[in-house]
């Protein structure tokens, strides 16, 4: 079991880190939350025999973030360095600049939209979870998830049109 947890950690670390970084907007907080996510996953991996590992890890990460968020009296938003170390090292400097600009545009579009809509867009559109997996992560019905995702996309389109 130890080896499978290590391989799961290595395989999904970047996805979980990016998700938590996009929620927390702080590199150090995201690192702490990733560690907490994988600790909880390690402690409860036996209870998750039937679910998809990826969606289950996103569920655990989402719960870890919510727990963290509830403990904070104030949320400090930081945009500097967002996703800065996540780029594929094979990209040319020009490609890296374009990717950074695209990510900054996405950050700006997500900024200010309701949290549930932001989660829905991040889980489905950027982390490629299915509708049902993302709905399970957010603990909402499939129909409710689709409405939240639609509204999130609409909010992003309105901001882009401004």
Protein backbone atom coordinates (compact mmCIF):
# COMPACT_ATOMS: atom_id res chain seq x y z
CA UNK A 1 0.00 0.00 0.00
CA UNK A 2 2.87 2.38 0.77
CA UNK A 3 4.16 2.16 -2.79
CA UNK A 4 0.75 2.84 -4.29
CA UNK A 5 0.34 5.97 -2.11
CA UNK A 6 3.76 7.17 -3.24
CA UNK A 7 2.89 6.61 -6.90
CA UNK A 8 -0.49 8.33 -6.42
CA UNK A 9 1.30 11.25 -4.77
CA UNK A 10 3.82 11.53 -7.60
CA UNK A 11 1.16 11.20 -10.31
CA UNK A 12 -1.41 13.64 -8.91
CA UNK A 13 0.74 16.11 -6.97
CA UNK A 14 0.80 18.80 -9.69
CA UNK A 15 -2.96 18.60 -10.33
CA UNK A 16 -3.82 18.85 -6.64
CA UNK A 17 -1.23 21.58 -6.09
CA UNK A 18 -2.55 23.69 -8.98
CA UNK A 19 -6.12 23.27 -7.77
CA UNK A 20 -5.26 24.30 -4.22
CA UNK A 21 -3.05 27.13 -5.46
CA UNK A 22 -5.89 28.46 -7.59
CA UNK A 23 -8.14 28.42 -4.52
CA UNK A 24 -5.70 29.74 -1.92
CA UNK A 25 -3.66 32.02 -4.21
CA UNK A 26 -0.65 31.47 -1.99
CA UNK A 27 2.22 29.10 -2.78
CA UNK A 28 3.01 28.25 0.85
CA UNK A 29 -0.61 27.70 1.80
CA UNK A 30 -1.12 25.50 -1.25
CA UNK A 31 1.92 23.40 -0.32
CA UNK A 32 0.60 22.95 3.22
CA UNK A 33 -2.84 22.04 1.94
CA UNK A 34 -1.39 19.52 -0.53
CA UNK A 35 0.45 17.82 2.31
CA UNK A 36 -2.73 17.75 4.39
CA UNK A 37 -4.65 16.36 1.40
CA UNK A 38 -2.25 13.48 0.89
CA UNK A 39 -2.05 12.81 4.62
CA UNK A 40 -5.84 12.47 4.77
CA UNK A 41 -5.76 10.37 1.61
CA UNK A 42 -3.15 8.07 3.17
CA UNK A 43 -5.21 7.70 6.33
CA UNK A 44 -8.42 6.89 4.46
CA UNK A 45 -7.28 5.19 1.27
CA UNK A 46 -8.77 1.85 2.34
CA UNK A 47 -12.23 3.45 2.50
CA UNK A 48 -12.01 4.52 -1.15
CA UNK A 49 -12.02 1.27 -3.06
CA UNK A 50 -14.81 2.13 -5.55
CA UNK A 51 -14.29 5.78 -6.47
CA UNK A 52 -11.97 7.28 -9.07
CA UNK A 53 -8.69 8.20 -7.38
CA UNK A 54 -8.49 11.56 -9.16
CA UNK A 55 -11.98 12.73 -8.24
CA UNK A 56 -11.58 11.36 -4.71
CA UNK A 57 -8.32 13.32 -4.25
CA UNK A 58 -9.99 16.49 -5.55
CA UNK A 59 -12.80 15.88 -3.06
CA UNK A 60 -10.30 15.50 -0.23
CA UNK A 61 -8.42 18.62 -1.41
CA UNK A 62 -11.64 20.60 -1.60
CA UNK A 63 -12.55 19.58 1.95
CA UNK A 64 -9.04 20.44 3.16
CA UNK A 65 -9.35 23.89 1.59
CA UNK A 66 -12.80 24.46 3.09
CA UNK A 67 -11.49 23.47 6.52
CA UNK A 68 -8.57 25.85 6.10
CA UNK A 69 -10.80 28.65 4.81
CA UNK A 70 -13.17 28.31 7.75
CA UNK A 71 -10.29 28.58 10.19
CA UNK A 72 -9.09 31.84 8.67
CA UNK A 73 -10.62 35.06 9.93
CA UNK A 74 -9.46 36.96 6.87
CA UNK A 75 -8.56 35.73 3.41
CA UNK A 76 -5.58 37.53 1.93
CA UNK A 77 -5.56 37.57 -1.87
CA UNK A 78 -2.14 37.46 -3.51
CA UNK A 79 -1.66 37.48 -7.24
CA UNK A 80 2.10 37.71 -7.47
CA UNK A 81 3.84 34.54 -8.54
CA UNK A 82 0.60 32.69 -9.27
CA UNK A 83 1.44 29.44 -11.12
CA UNK A 84 4.96 30.78 -11.67
CA UNK A 85 6.78 27.49 -11.11
CA UNK A 86 4.30 25.20 -12.80
CA UNK A 87 5.33 25.55 -16.40
CA UNK A 88 6.67 22.73 -18.49
CA UNK A 89 10.45 23.16 -18.62
CA UNK A 90 10.43 22.13 -22.30
CA UNK A 91 8.58 25.31 -23.30
CA UNK A 92 10.53 28.05 -24.99
CA UNK A 93 10.70 31.41 -23.20
CA UNK A 94 8.16 32.80 -25.68
CA UNK A 95 5.71 29.94 -25.00
CA UNK A 96 6.17 30.43 -21.25
CA UNK A 97 5.30 34.13 -21.58
CA UNK A 98 2.16 33.32 -23.56
CA UNK A 99 1.14 30.69 -20.99
CA UNK A 100 1.70 33.16 -18.15
CA UNK A 101 -0.41 35.77 -19.93
CA UNK A 102 -3.19 33.21 -20.49
CA UNK A 103 -3.09 32.15 -16.85
CA UNK A 104 -3.17 35.78 -15.70
CA UNK A 105 -6.21 36.38 -17.90
CA UNK A 106 -7.94 33.35 -16.35
CA UNK A 107 -7.08 34.59 -12.84
CA UNK A 108 -8.56 37.98 -13.67
CA UNK A 109 -11.71 36.39 -15.09
CA UNK A 110 -12.16 34.16 -12.03
CA UNK A 111 -11.53 36.99 -9.60
CA UNK A 112 -14.74 38.22 -8.05
CA UNK A 113 -17.09 35.48 -9.23
CA UNK A 114 -18.83 33.47 -6.50
CA UNK A 115 -16.75 30.71 -4.92
CA UNK A 116 -18.99 27.82 -6.00
CA UNK A 117 -18.90 29.01 -9.60
CA UNK A 118 -15.13 29.37 -9.42
CA UNK A 119 -14.78 25.81 -8.05
CA UNK A 120 -17.04 24.43 -10.77
CA UNK A 121 -15.08 26.10 -13.58
CA UNK A 122 -11.72 25.06 -12.11
CA UNK A 123 -12.73 21.44 -11.50
CA UNK A 124 -14.43 20.81 -14.84
CA UNK A 125 -12.83 23.14 -17.36
CA UNK A 126 -9.26 23.29 -16.07
CA UNK A 127 -8.75 20.05 -14.16
CA UNK A 128 -10.90 18.02 -16.57
CA UNK A 129 -13.07 16.22 -14.04
CA UNK A 130 -16.33 14.91 -15.47
CA UNK A 131 -19.59 16.58 -14.52
CA UNK A 132 -20.42 13.81 -12.05
CA UNK A 133 -16.92 13.76 -10.53
CA UNK A 134 -16.89 17.54 -10.07
CA UNK A 135 -20.41 17.48 -8.62
CA UNK A 136 -19.27 14.84 -6.14
CA UNK A 137 -16.23 16.93 -5.19
CA UNK A 138 -18.49 19.91 -4.52
CA UNK A 139 -21.11 17.74 -2.82
CA UNK A 140 -23.95 19.01 -5.02
CA UNK A 141 -26.37 17.25 -7.36
CA UNK A 142 -25.39 16.82 -11.00
CA UNK A 143 -28.16 19.20 -12.13
CA UNK A 144 -27.10 21.81 -9.56
CA UNK A 145 -23.47 21.45 -10.65
CA UNK A 146 -24.39 22.08 -14.29
CA UNK A 147 -26.26 25.25 -13.30
CA UNK A 148 -23.33 26.47 -11.18
CA UNK A 149 -20.87 25.74 -14.01
CA UNK A 150 -23.08 27.52 -16.55
CA UNK A 151 -23.35 30.59 -14.33
CA UNK A 152 -19.60 30.58 -13.71
CA UNK A 153 -18.87 30.46 -17.42
CA UNK A 154 -21.40 33.24 -18.05
CA UNK A 155 -19.79 35.41 -15.36
CA UNK A 156 -16.37 34.87 -16.96
CA UNK A 157 -17.77 35.77 -20.41
CA UNK A 158 -19.31 38.98 -19.03
CA UNK A 159 -16.00 39.96 -17.41
CA UNK A 160 -14.16 39.21 -20.65
CA UNK A 161 -16.59 41.42 -22.58
CA UNK A 162 -16.00 44.39 -20.27
